[in-house]
Full PDB file with SEQRES, HELIX, SHEET, SSBOND, CRYST1, ORIGX, SCALE, CONECT and MASTER records, all heavy atoms in Angstrom:
SEQRES   1 A   42  VAL GLY HIS LYS ASN ASN MET GLY ARG LEU LYS LEU LEU          
SEQRES   2 A   42  LEU THR ASP LEU LYS PRO LYS SER SER TYR CYS LEU ILE          
SEQRES   3 A   42  PHE SER TYR ARG LEU ALA GLY GLU LYS VAL GLY LYS LEU          
SEQRES   4 A   42  ARG VAL PHE                                                  
CRYST1    1.000    1.000    1.000  90.00  90.00  90.00 P 1           1          
ORIGX1      1.000000  0.000000  0.000000        0.00000                         
ORIGX2      0.000000  1.000000  0.000000        0.00000                         
ORIGX3      0.000000  0.000000  1.000000        0.00000                         
SCALE1      1.000000  0.000000  0.000000        0.00000                         
SCALE2      0.000000  1.000000  0.000000        0.00000                         
SCALE3      0.000000  0.000000  1.000000        0.00000                         
ATOM      1  N   VAL A   1      87.718 119.400 115.364  1.00  0.00           N  
ATOM      2  CA  VAL A   1      86.813 118.384 115.922  1.00  0.00           C  
ATOM      3  C   VAL A   1      87.115 118.161 117.401  1.00  0.00           C  
ATOM      4  O   VAL A   1      88.260 117.965 117.777  1.00  0.00           O  
ATOM      5  CB  VAL A   1      86.953 117.052 115.150  1.00  0.00           C  
ATOM      6  CG1 VAL A   1      86.253 115.929 115.881  1.00  0.00           C  
ATOM      7  CG2 VAL A   1      86.384 117.192 113.753  1.00  0.00           C  
ATOM      8  N   GLY A   2      86.091 118.204 118.227  1.00  0.00           N  
ATOM      9  CA  GLY A   2      86.259 117.896 119.646  1.00  0.00           C  
ATOM     10  C   GLY A   2      86.901 119.033 120.429  1.00  0.00           C  
ATOM     11  O   GLY A   2      87.082 120.136 119.932  1.00  0.00           O  
ATOM     12  N   HIS A   3      87.243 118.754 121.679  1.00  0.00           N  
ATOM     13  CA  HIS A   3      87.873 119.714 122.573  1.00  0.00           C  
ATOM     14  C   HIS A   3      89.315 119.315 122.814  1.00  0.00           C  
ATOM     15  O   HIS A   3      89.698 118.173 122.573  1.00  0.00           O  
ATOM     16  CB  HIS A   3      87.125 119.755 123.912  1.00  0.00           C  
ATOM     17  CG  HIS A   3      85.678 120.121 123.761  1.00  0.00           C  
ATOM     18  ND1 HIS A   3      85.261 121.393 123.472  1.00  0.00           N  
ATOM     19  CD2 HIS A   3      84.556 119.366 123.833  1.00  0.00           C  
ATOM     20  CE1 HIS A   3      83.944 121.417 123.385  1.00  0.00           C  
ATOM     21  NE2 HIS A   3      83.487 120.185 123.592  1.00  0.00           N  
ATOM     22  N   LYS A   4      90.115 120.233 123.334  1.00  0.00           N  
ATOM     23  CA  LYS A   4      91.524 119.970 123.606  1.00  0.00           C  
ATOM     24  C   LYS A   4      91.663 118.671 124.424  1.00  0.00           C  
ATOM     25  O   LYS A   4      90.908 118.449 125.354  1.00  0.00           O  
ATOM     26  CB  LYS A   4      92.128 121.148 124.364  1.00  0.00           C  
ATOM     27  CG  LYS A   4      93.629 121.045 124.550  1.00  0.00           C  
ATOM     28  CD  LYS A   4      94.146 122.298 125.225  1.00  0.00           C  
ATOM     29  CE  LYS A   4      95.629 122.258 125.449  1.00  0.00           C  
ATOM     30  NZ  LYS A   4      96.131 121.147 126.200  1.00  0.00           N  
ATOM     31  N   ASN A   5      92.628 117.872 124.030  1.00  0.00           N  
ATOM     32  CA  ASN A   5      92.951 116.579 124.668  1.00  0.00           C  
ATOM     33  C   ASN A   5      91.923 115.472 124.423  1.00  0.00           C  
ATOM     34  O   ASN A   5      92.076 114.383 124.950  1.00  0.00           O  
ATOM     35  CB  ASN A   5      93.190 116.726 126.173  1.00  0.00           C  
ATOM     36  CG  ASN A   5      94.350 117.651 126.470  1.00  0.00           C  
ATOM     37  OD1 ASN A   5      95.209 117.859 125.623  1.00  0.00           O  
ATOM     38  ND2 ASN A   5      94.374 118.212 127.652  1.00  0.00           N  
ATOM     39  N   ASN A   6      90.869 115.725 123.651  1.00  0.00           N  
ATOM     40  CA  ASN A   6      89.969 114.643 123.251  1.00  0.00           C  
ATOM     41  C   ASN A   6      90.726 113.653 122.365  1.00  0.00           C  
ATOM     42  O   ASN A   6      91.659 114.026 121.672  1.00  0.00           O  
ATOM     43  CB  ASN A   6      88.770 115.184 122.466  1.00  0.00           C  
ATOM     44  CG  ASN A   6      87.642 115.641 123.368  1.00  0.00           C  
ATOM     45  OD1 ASN A   6      87.760 115.704 124.579  1.00  0.00           O  
ATOM     46  ND2 ASN A   6      86.534 115.973 122.750  1.00  0.00           N  
ATOM     47  N   MET A   7      90.283 112.392 122.368  1.00  0.00           N  
ATOM     48  CA  MET A   7      90.943 111.331 121.611  1.00  0.00           C  
ATOM     49  C   MET A   7      89.998 110.718 120.583  1.00  0.00           C  
ATOM     50  O   MET A   7      88.810 110.552 120.859  1.00  0.00           O  
ATOM     51  CB  MET A   7      91.353 110.185 122.541  1.00  0.00           C  
ATOM     52  CG  MET A   7      92.184 110.580 123.713  1.00  0.00           C  
ATOM     53  SD  MET A   7      93.872 110.805 123.212  1.00  0.00           S  
ATOM     54  CE  MET A   7      94.589 111.150 124.805  1.00  0.00           C  
ATOM     55  N   GLY A   8      90.572 110.351 119.440  1.00  0.00           N  
ATOM     56  CA  GLY A   8      89.854 109.550 118.456  1.00  0.00           C  
ATOM     57  C   GLY A   8      90.722 108.367 118.095  1.00  0.00           C  
ATOM     58  O   GLY A   8      91.903 108.538 117.798  1.00  0.00           O  
ATOM     59  N   ARG A   9      90.155 107.161 118.147  1.00  0.00           N  
ATOM     60  CA  ARG A   9      90.957 105.967 117.880  1.00  0.00           C  
ATOM     61  C   ARG A   9      90.392 105.162 116.723  1.00  0.00           C  
ATOM     62  O   ARG A   9      89.197 104.905 116.665  1.00  0.00           O  
ATOM     63  CB  ARG A   9      91.043 105.100 119.139  1.00  0.00           C  
ATOM     64  CG  ARG A   9      91.987 105.660 120.176  1.00  0.00           C  
ATOM     65  CD  ARG A   9      92.128 104.756 121.379  1.00  0.00           C  
ATOM     66  NE  ARG A   9      90.970 104.854 122.256  1.00  0.00           N  
ATOM     67  CZ  ARG A   9      90.836 105.765 123.220  1.00  0.00           C  
ATOM     68  NH1 ARG A   9      91.776 106.650 123.441  1.00  0.00           N  
ATOM     69  NH2 ARG A   9      89.751 105.790 123.960  1.00  0.00           N  
ATOM     70  N   LEU A  10      91.289 104.766 115.827  1.00  0.00           N  
ATOM     71  CA  LEU A  10      90.943 103.945 114.681  1.00  0.00           C  
ATOM     72  C   LEU A  10      91.775 102.675 114.795  1.00  0.00           C  
ATOM     73  O   LEU A  10      93.002 102.733 114.890  1.00  0.00           O  
ATOM     74  CB  LEU A  10      91.290 104.702 113.395  1.00  0.00           C  
ATOM     75  CG  LEU A  10      90.836 104.098 112.083  1.00  0.00           C  
ATOM     76  CD1 LEU A  10      89.313 103.980 112.032  1.00  0.00           C  
ATOM     77  CD2 LEU A  10      91.331 104.958 110.927  1.00  0.00           C  
ATOM     78  N   LYS A  11      91.092 101.524 114.806  1.00  0.00           N  
ATOM     79  CA  LYS A  11      91.771 100.266 115.099  1.00  0.00           C  
ATOM     80  C   LYS A  11      91.844  99.385 113.864  1.00  0.00           C  
ATOM     81  O   LYS A  11      90.854  99.184 113.176  1.00  0.00           O  
ATOM     82  CB  LYS A  11      91.000  99.555 116.216  1.00  0.00           C  
ATOM     83  CG  LYS A  11      91.735  98.406 116.846  1.00  0.00           C  
ATOM     84  CD  LYS A  11      90.956  97.843 118.018  1.00  0.00           C  
ATOM     85  CE  LYS A  11      91.175  98.708 119.251  1.00  0.00           C  
ATOM     86  NZ  LYS A  11      90.588  98.096 120.463  1.00  0.00           N  
ATOM     87  N   LEU A  12      93.039  98.860 113.619  1.00  0.00           N  
ATOM     88  CA  LEU A  12      93.267  97.899 112.542  1.00  0.00           C  
ATOM     89  C   LEU A  12      93.308  96.514 113.178  1.00  0.00           C  
ATOM     90  O   LEU A  12      94.185  96.227 113.996  1.00  0.00           O  
ATOM     91  CB  LEU A  12      94.596  98.210 111.850  1.00  0.00           C  
ATOM     92  CG  LEU A  12      95.123  97.178 110.852  1.00  0.00           C  
ATOM     93  CD1 LEU A  12      94.136  96.923 109.729  1.00  0.00           C  
ATOM     94  CD2 LEU A  12      96.457  97.640 110.293  1.00  0.00           C  
ATOM     95  N   LEU A  13      92.326  95.677 112.841  1.00  0.00           N  
ATOM     96  CA  LEU A  13      92.269  94.326 113.414  1.00  0.00           C  
ATOM     97  C   LEU A  13      93.127  93.381 112.576  1.00  0.00           C  
ATOM     98  O   LEU A  13      92.957  93.287 111.365  1.00  0.00           O  
ATOM     99  CB  LEU A  13      90.822  93.829 113.452  1.00  0.00           C  
ATOM    100  CG  LEU A  13      89.853  94.732 114.216  1.00  0.00           C  
ATOM    101  CD1 LEU A  13      88.450  94.171 114.183  1.00  0.00           C  
ATOM    102  CD2 LEU A  13      90.312  94.931 115.647  1.00  0.00           C  
ATOM    103  N   LEU A  14      94.047  92.709 113.236  1.00  0.00           N  
ATOM    104  CA  LEU A  14      94.963  91.784 112.556  1.00  0.00           C  
ATOM    105  C   LEU A  14      94.635  90.374 113.019  1.00  0.00           C  
ATOM    106  O   LEU A  14      94.994  89.981 114.113  1.00  0.00           O  
ATOM    107  CB  LEU A  14      96.409  92.118 112.926  1.00  0.00           C  
ATOM    108  CG  LEU A  14      96.857  93.545 112.634  1.00  0.00           C  
ATOM    109  CD1 LEU A  14      98.209  93.814 113.262  1.00  0.00           C  
ATOM    110  CD2 LEU A  14      96.902  93.787 111.137  1.00  0.00           C  
ATOM    111  N   THR A  15      93.954  89.631 112.154  1.00  0.00           N  
ATOM    112  CA  THR A  15      93.501  88.316 112.587  1.00  0.00           C  
ATOM    113  C   THR A  15      94.395  87.186 112.108  1.00  0.00           C  
ATOM    114  O   THR A  15      94.396  86.117 112.685  1.00  0.00           O  
ATOM    115  CB  THR A  15      92.063  88.069 112.108  1.00  0.00           C  
ATOM    116  OG1 THR A  15      91.982  88.456 110.740  1.00  0.00           O  
ATOM    117  CG2 THR A  15      91.080  88.882 112.916  1.00  0.00           C  
ATOM    118  N   ASP A  16      95.182  87.418 111.072  1.00  0.00           N  
ATOM    119  CA  ASP A  16      95.916  86.302 110.469  1.00  0.00           C  
ATOM    120  C   ASP A  16      97.425  86.356 110.661  1.00  0.00           C  
ATOM    121  O   ASP A  16      98.163  85.708 109.928  1.00  0.00           O  
ATOM    122  CB  ASP A  16      95.619  86.230 108.965  1.00  0.00           C  
ATOM    123  CG  ASP A  16      94.135  86.037 108.714  1.00  0.00           C  
ATOM    124  OD1 ASP A  16      93.489  85.348 109.540  1.00  0.00           O  
ATOM    125  OD2 ASP A  16      93.614  86.568 107.730  1.00  0.00           O  
ATOM    126  N   LEU A  17      97.915  87.132 111.620  1.00  0.00           N  
ATOM    127  CA  LEU A  17      99.366  87.194 111.817  1.00  0.00           C  
ATOM    128  C   LEU A  17      99.861  85.898 112.461  1.00  0.00           C  
ATOM    129  O   LEU A  17      99.279  85.400 113.398  1.00  0.00           O  
ATOM    130  CB  LEU A  17      99.745  88.374 112.713  1.00  0.00           C  
ATOM    131  CG  LEU A  17      99.574  89.766 112.124  1.00  0.00           C  
ATOM    132  CD1 LEU A  17     100.298  90.779 112.999  1.00  0.00           C  
ATOM    133  CD2 LEU A  17     100.096  89.856 110.709  1.00  0.00           C  
ATOM    134  N   LYS A  18     100.963  85.390 111.927  1.00  0.00           N  
ATOM    135  CA  LYS A  18     101.523  84.151 112.473  1.00  0.00           C  
ATOM    136  C   LYS A  18     102.326  84.466 113.735  1.00  0.00           C  
ATOM    137  O   LYS A  18     103.093  85.409 113.757  1.00  0.00           O  
ATOM    138  CB  LYS A  18     102.453  83.502 111.435  1.00  0.00           C  
ATOM    139  CG  LYS A  18     101.740  83.008 110.209  1.00  0.00           C  
ATOM    140  CD  LYS A  18     102.742  82.335 109.265  1.00  0.00           C  
ATOM    141  CE  LYS A  18     102.100  81.978 107.957  1.00  0.00           C  
ATOM    142  NZ  LYS A  18     101.807  83.159 107.118  1.00  0.00           N  
ATOM    143  N   PRO A  19     102.161  83.640 114.782  1.00  0.00           N  
ATOM    144  CA  PRO A  19     102.974  83.845 115.983  1.00  0.00           C  
ATOM    145  C   PRO A  19     104.455  83.612 115.690  1.00  0.00           C  
ATOM    146  O   PRO A  19     104.797  82.925 114.730  1.00  0.00           O  
ATOM    147  CB  PRO A  19     102.449  82.797 116.969  1.00  0.00           C  
ATOM    148  CG  PRO A  19     101.287  82.145 116.327  1.00  0.00           C  
ATOM    149  CD  PRO A  19     101.234  82.544 114.886  1.00  0.00           C  
ATOM    150  N   LYS A  20     105.299  84.178 116.506  1.00  0.00           N  
ATOM    151  CA  LYS A  20     106.758  83.998 116.412  1.00  0.00           C  
ATOM    152  C   LYS A  20     107.323  84.416 115.059  1.00  0.00           C  
ATOM    153  O   LYS A  20     108.243  83.789 114.542  1.00  0.00           O  
ATOM    154  CB  LYS A  20     107.141  82.553 116.733  1.00  0.00           C  
ATOM    155  CG  LYS A  20     106.829  82.166 118.168  1.00  0.00           C  
ATOM    156  CD  LYS A  20     107.429  80.822 118.519  1.00  0.00           C  
ATOM    157  CE  LYS A  20     107.362  80.506 119.989  1.00  0.00           C  
ATOM    158  NZ  LYS A  20     106.047  80.625 120.611  1.00  0.00           N  
ATOM    159  N   SER A  21     106.768  85.453 114.481  1.00  0.00           N  
ATOM    160  CA  SER A  21     107.376  86.013 113.271  1.00  0.00           C  
ATOM    161  C   SER A  21     107.343  87.531 113.409  1.00  0.00           C  
ATOM    162  O   SER A  21     106.715  88.057 114.312  1.00  0.00           O  
ATOM    163  CB  SER A  21     106.647  85.536 112.011  1.00  0.00           C  
ATOM    164  OG  SER A  21     105.262  85.651 112.168  1.00  0.00           O  
ATOM    165  N   SER A  22     108.030  88.209 112.524  1.00  0.00           N  
ATOM    166  CA  SER A  22     108.052  89.669 112.628  1.00  0.00           C  
ATOM    167  C   SER A  22     107.443  90.298 111.379  1.00  0.00           C  
ATOM    168  O   SER A  22     107.480  89.726 110.289  1.00  0.00           O  
ATOM    169  CB  SER A  22     109.479  90.167 112.843  1.00  0.00           C  
ATOM    170  OG  SER A  22     110.330  89.623 111.864  1.00  0.00           O  
ATOM    171  N   TYR A  23     106.884  91.485 111.592  1.00  0.00           N  
ATOM    172  CA  TYR A  23     106.229  92.227 110.525  1.00  0.00           C  
ATOM    173  C   TYR A  23     106.654  93.684 110.597  1.00  0.00           C  
ATOM    174  O   TYR A  23     107.098  94.157 111.644  1.00  0.00           O  
ATOM    175  CB  TYR A  23     104.705  92.145 110.671  1.00  0.00           C  
ATOM    176  CG  TYR A  23     104.163  90.755 110.508  1.00  0.00           C  
ATOM    177  CD1 TYR A  23     104.062  89.901 111.596  1.00  0.00           C  
ATOM    178  CD2 TYR A  23     103.784  90.284 109.262  1.00  0.00           C  
ATOM    179  CE1 TYR A  23     103.582  88.615 111.456  1.00  0.00           C  
ATOM    180  CE2 TYR A  23     103.303  88.993 109.099  1.00  0.00           C  
ATOM    181  CZ  TYR A  23     103.208  88.166 110.203  1.00  0.00           C  
ATOM    182  OH  TYR A  23     102.741  86.895 110.048  1.00  0.00           O  
ATOM    183  N   CYS A  24     106.476  94.364 109.495  1.00  0.00           N  
ATOM    184  CA  CYS A  24     106.722  95.800 109.457  1.00  0.00           C  
ATOM    185  C   CYS A  24     105.435  96.486 109.034  1.00  0.00           C  
ATOM    186  O   CYS A  24     104.850  96.142 108.001  1.00  0.00           O  
ATOM    187  CB  CYS A  24     107.837  96.122 108.463  1.00  0.00           C  
ATOM    188  SG  CYS A  24     108.138  97.901 108.309  1.00  0.00           S  
ATOM    189  N   LEU A  25     104.985  97.425 109.847  1.00  0.00           N  
ATOM    190  CA  LEU A  25     103.818  98.241 109.520  1.00  0.00           C  
ATOM    191  C   LEU A  25     104.348  99.560 108.965  1.00  0.00           C  
ATOM    192  O   LEU A  25     105.105 100.259 109.637  1.00  0.00           O  
ATOM    193  CB  LEU A  25     102.990  98.500 110.773  1.00  0.00           C  
ATOM    194  CG  LEU A  25     101.719  99.324 110.570  1.00  0.00           C  
ATOM    195  CD1 LEU A  25     100.644  98.462 109.919  1.00  0.00           C  
ATOM    196  CD2 LEU A  25     101.222  99.878 111.885  1.00  0.00           C  
ATOM    197  N   ILE A  26     103.994  99.874 107.726  1.00  0.00           N  
ATOM    198  CA  ILE A  26     104.434 101.114 107.086  1.00  0.00           C  
ATOM    199  C   ILE A  26     103.188 101.934 106.781  1.00  0.00           C  
ATOM    200  O   ILE A  26     102.183 101.388 106.310  1.00  0.00           O  
ATOM    201  CB  ILE A  26     105.210 100.814 105.772  1.00  0.00           C  
ATOM    202  CG1 ILE A  26     106.422  99.929 106.067  1.00  0.00           C  
ATOM    203  CG2 ILE A  26     105.642 102.113 105.094  1.00  0.00           C  
ATOM    204  CD1 ILE A  26     107.165  99.477 104.824  1.00  0.00           C  
ATOM    205  N   PHE A  27     103.229 103.222 107.065  1.00  0.00           N  
ATOM    206  CA  PHE A  27     102.063 104.069 106.828  1.00  0.00           C  
ATOM    207  C   PHE A  27     102.498 105.485 106.494  1.00  0.00           C  
ATOM    208  O   PHE A  27     103.605 105.908 106.841  1.00  0.00           O  
ATOM    209  CB  PHE A  27     101.131 104.070 108.050  1.00  0.00           C  
ATOM    210  CG  PHE A  27     101.793 104.520 109.327  1.00  0.00           C  
ATOM    211  CD1 PHE A  27     101.684 105.829 109.767  1.00  0.00           C  
ATOM    212  CD2 PHE A  27     102.523 103.618 110.087  1.00  0.00           C  
ATOM    213  CE1 PHE A  27     102.311 106.234 110.942  1.00  0.00           C  
ATOM    214  CE2 PHE A  27     103.144 104.019 111.262  1.00  0.00           C  
ATOM    215  CZ  PHE A  27     103.037 105.336 111.690  1.00  0.00           C  
ATOM    216  N   SER A  28     101.625 106.197 105.796  1.00  0.00           N  
ATOM    217  CA  SER A  28     101.848 107.617 105.536  1.00  0.00           C  
ATOM    218  C   SER A  28     101.053 108.395 106.566  1.00  0.00           C  
ATOM    219  O   SER A  28      99.950 107.998 106.932  1.00  0.00           O  
ATOM    220  CB  SER A  28     101.339 107.998 104.143  1.00  0.00           C  
ATOM    221  OG  SER A  28     102.015 107.246 103.169  1.00  0.00           O  
ATOM    222  N   TYR A  29     101.620 109.510 107.013  1.00  0.00           N  
ATOM    223  CA  TYR A  29     100.898 110.333 107.983  1.00  0.00           C  
ATOM    224  C   TYR A  29     101.207 111.793 107.727  1.00  0.00           C  
ATOM    225  O   TYR A  29     102.208 112.137 107.084  1.00  0.00           O  
ATOM    226  CB  TYR A  29     101.276 109.952 109.424  1.00  0.00           C  
ATOM    227  CG  TYR A  29     102.694 110.328 109.794  1.00  0.00           C  
ATOM    228  CD1 TYR A  29     102.968 111.535 110.436  1.00  0.00           C  
ATOM    229  CD2 TYR A  29     103.755 109.486 109.494  1.00  0.00           C  
ATOM    230  CE1 TYR A  29     104.269 111.885 110.766  1.00  0.00           C  
ATOM    231  CE2 TYR A  29     105.047 109.833 109.819  1.00  0.00           C  
ATOM    232  CZ  TYR A  29     105.300 111.032 110.447  1.00  0.00           C  
ATOM    233  OH  TYR A  29     106.586 111.383 110.762  1.00  0.00           O  
ATOM    234  N   ARG A  30     100.332 112.641 108.242  1.00  0.00           N  
ATOM    235  CA  ARG A  30     100.515 114.075 108.092  1.00  0.00           C  
ATOM    236  C   ARG A  30      99.902 114.774 109.297  1.00  0.00           C  
ATOM    237  O   ARG A  30      98.783 114.464 109.697  1.00  0.00           O  
ATOM    238  CB  ARG A  30      99.834 114.523 106.799  1.00  0.00           C  
ATOM    239  CG  ARG A  30      99.731 116.005 106.622  1.00  0.00           C  
ATOM    240  CD  ARG A  30      99.330 116.325 105.224  1.00  0.00           C  
ATOM    241  NE  ARG A  30      97.877 116.366 105.088  1.00  0.00           N  
ATOM    242  CZ  ARG A  30      97.275 116.929 104.059  1.00  0.00           C  
ATOM    243  NH1 ARG A  30      97.958 117.441 103.066  1.00  0.00           N  
ATOM    244  NH2 ARG A  30      95.967 116.950 104.003  1.00  0.00           N  
ATOM    245  N   LEU A  31     100.667 115.680 109.894  1.00  0.00           N  
ATOM    246  CA  LEU A  31     100.139 116.563 110.932  1.00  0.00           C  
ATOM    247  C   LEU A  31     100.253 117.966 110.353  1.00  0.00           C  
ATOM    248  O   LEU A  31     101.333 118.531 110.318  1.00  0.00           O  
ATOM    249  CB  LEU A  31     100.943 116.445 112.230  1.00  0.00           C  
ATOM    250  CG  LEU A  31     100.713 115.135 112.993  1.00  0.00           C  
ATOM    251  CD1 LEU A  31     101.879 114.200 112.777  1.00  0.00           C  
ATOM    252  CD2 LEU A  31     100.492 115.386 114.447  1.00  0.00           C  
ATOM    253  N   ALA A  32      99.138 118.479 109.857  1.00  0.00           N  
ATOM    254  CA  ALA A  32      99.151 119.776 109.181  1.00  0.00           C  
ATOM    255  C   ALA A  32      98.437 120.795 110.058  1.00  0.00           C  
ATOM    256  O   ALA A  32      97.341 120.539 110.537  1.00  0.00           O  
ATOM    257  CB  ALA A  32      98.440 119.664 107.832  1.00  0.00           C  
ATOM    258  N   GLY A  33      99.068 121.931 110.271  1.00  0.00           N  
ATOM    259  CA  GLY A  33      98.442 122.993 111.051  1.00  0.00           C  
ATOM    260  C   GLY A  33      99.153 123.244 112.365  1.00  0.00           C  
ATOM    261  O   GLY A  33      99.814 122.366 112.914  1.00  0.00           O  
ATOM    262  N   GLU A  34      99.006 124.455 112.837  1.00  0.00           N  
ATOM    263  CA  GLU A  34      99.628 124.883 114.091  1.00  0.00           C  
ATOM    264  C   GLU A  34      98.955 124.205 115.283  1.00  0.00           C  
ATOM    265  O   GLU A  34      97.736 124.234 115.392  1.00  0.00           O  
ATOM    266  CB  GLU A  34      99.478 126.410 114.184  1.00  0.00           C  
ATOM    267  CG  GLU A  34     100.240 127.067 115.308  1.00  0.00           C  
ATOM    268  CD  GLU A  34     101.743 127.157 115.045  1.00  0.00           C  
ATOM    269  OE1 GLU A  34     102.145 127.127 113.863  1.00  0.00           O  
ATOM    270  OE2 GLU A  34     102.487 127.252 116.027  1.00  0.00           O  
ATOM    271  N   LYS A  35      99.726 123.597 116.170  1.00  0.00           N  
ATOM    272  CA  LYS A  35      99.204 122.962 117.399  1.00  0.00           C  
ATOM    273  C   LYS A  35      98.041 122.016 117.116  1.00  0.00           C  
ATOM    274  O   LYS A  35      97.026 122.021 117.808  1.00  0.00           O  
ATOM    275  CB  LYS A  35      98.759 124.033 118.398  1.00  0.00           C  
ATOM    276  CG  LYS A  35      99.893 124.915 118.883  1.00  0.00           C  
ATOM    277  CD  LYS A  35      99.425 125.804 120.024  1.00  0.00           C  
ATOM    278  CE  LYS A  35     100.560 126.618 120.580  1.00  0.00           C  
ATOM    279  NZ  LYS A  35     100.590 128.011 120.187  1.00  0.00           N  
ATOM    280  N   VAL A  36      98.181 121.210 116.045  1.00  0.00           N  
ATOM    281  CA  VAL A  36      97.074 120.346 115.619  1.00  0.00           C  
ATOM    282  C   VAL A  36      96.836 119.185 116.596  1.00  0.00           C  
ATOM    283  O   VAL A  36      95.732 118.688 116.713  1.00  0.00           O  
ATOM    284  CB  VAL A  36      97.299 119.842 114.170  1.00  0.00           C  
ATOM    285  CG1 VAL A  36      98.410 118.806 114.115  1.00  0.00           C  
ATOM    286  CG2 VAL A  36      96.032 119.306 113.563  1.00  0.00           C  
ATOM    287  N   GLY A  37      97.860 118.750 117.312  1.00  0.00           N  
ATOM    288  CA  GLY A  37      97.676 117.649 118.264  1.00  0.00           C  
ATOM    289  C   GLY A  37      98.738 116.587 118.106  1.00  0.00           C  
ATOM    290  O   GLY A  37      99.831 116.863 117.620  1.00  0.00           O  
ATOM    291  N   LYS A  38      98.402 115.366 118.514  1.00  0.00           N  
ATOM    292  CA  LYS A  38      99.357 114.261 118.483  1.00  0.00           C  
ATOM    293  C   LYS A  38      98.764 113.077 117.746  1.00  0.00           C  
ATOM    294  O   LYS A  38      97.559 112.842 117.794  1.00  0.00           O  
ATOM    295  CB  LYS A  38      99.681 113.799 119.910  1.00  0.00           C  
ATOM    296  CG  LYS A  38     100.512 114.773 120.685  1.00  0.00           C  
ATOM    297  CD  LYS A  38     100.828 114.226 122.062  1.00  0.00           C  
ATOM    298  CE  LYS A  38     101.646 115.261 122.812  1.00  0.00           C  
ATOM    299  NZ  LYS A  38     101.499 115.171 124.246  1.00  0.00           N  
ATOM    300  N   LEU A  39      99.642 112.321 117.104  1.00  0.00           N  
ATOM    301  CA  LEU A  39      99.269 111.045 116.501  1.00  0.00           C  
ATOM    302  C   LEU A  39     100.115 109.985 117.187  1.00  0.00           C  
ATOM    303  O   LEU A  39     101.338 110.112 117.266  1.00  0.00           O  
ATOM    304  CB  LEU A  39      99.541 111.063 114.997  1.00  0.00           C  
ATOM    305  CG  LEU A  39      99.282 109.749 114.258  1.00  0.00           C  
ATOM    306  CD1 LEU A  39      97.812 109.346 114.348  1.00  0.00           C  
ATOM    307  CD2 LEU A  39      99.701 109.868 112.796  1.00  0.00           C  
ATOM    308  N   ARG A  40      99.459 108.959 117.713  1.00  0.00           N  
ATOM    309  CA  ARG A  40     100.165 107.871 118.386  1.00  0.00           C  
ATOM    310  C   ARG A  40      99.726 106.547 117.785  1.00  0.00           C  
ATOM    311  O   ARG A  40      98.608 106.427 117.278  1.00  0.00           O  
ATOM    312  CB  ARG A  40      99.814 107.834 119.872  1.00  0.00           C  
ATOM    313  CG  ARG A  40     100.236 109.029 120.651  1.00  0.00           C  
ATOM    314  CD  ARG A  40      99.939 108.802 122.140  1.00  0.00           C  
ATOM    315  NE  ARG A  40     100.078 110.035 122.869  1.00  0.00           N  
ATOM    316  CZ  ARG A  40      99.054 110.849 123.163  1.00  0.00           C  
ATOM    317  NH1 ARG A  40      97.824 110.548 122.802  1.00  0.00           N  
ATOM    318  NH2 ARG A  40      99.265 111.966 123.818  1.00  0.00           N  
ATOM    319  N   VAL A  41     100.606 105.560 117.895  1.00  0.00           N  
ATOM    320  CA  VAL A  41     100.263 104.211 117.469  1.00  0.00           C  
ATOM    321  C   VAL A  41     100.510 103.265 118.641  1.00  0.00           C  
ATOM    322  O   VAL A  41     101.567 103.317 119.281  1.00  0.00           O  
ATOM    323  CB  VAL A  41     101.099 103.764 116.245  1.00  0.00           C  
ATOM    324  CG1 VAL A  41     100.713 102.348 115.826  1.00  0.00           C  
ATOM    325  CG2 VAL A  41     100.911 104.737 115.087  1.00  0.00           C  
ATOM    326  N   PHE A  42      99.508 102.430 118.924  1.00  0.00           N  
ATOM    327  CA  PHE A  42      99.593 101.439 119.997  1.00  0.00           C  
ATOM    328  C   PHE A  42      99.456 100.048 119.405  1.00  0.00           C  
ATOM    329  O   PHE A  42      98.685  99.847 118.477  1.00  0.00           O  
ATOM    330  CB  PHE A  42      98.438 101.621 120.999  1.00  0.00           C  
ATOM    331  CG  PHE A  42      98.502 102.891 121.790  1.00  0.00           C  
ATOM    332  CD1 PHE A  42      97.945 104.062 121.292  1.00  0.00           C  
ATOM    333  CD2 PHE A  42      99.090 102.918 123.040  1.00  0.00           C  
ATOM    334  CE1 PHE A  42      97.991 105.240 122.024  1.00  0.00           C  
ATOM    335  CE2 PHE A  42      99.148 104.085 123.781  1.00  0.00           C  
ATOM    336  CZ  PHE A  42      98.595 105.250 123.273  1.00  0.00           C  
TER     337      PHE A  42                                                      
MASTER        0    0    0    0    0    0    0    6  336    1    0    4          
END                                                                             
């Protein structure tokens, strides 16, 4: 899908997080294939 260095972003909206507390985000991921690209989390 797309051309080299193209980006696709999927956003998780967090509306109910309490300020001044900590959370852990746990997820499964897979990068399958030769030179498939990068996965980043912001």
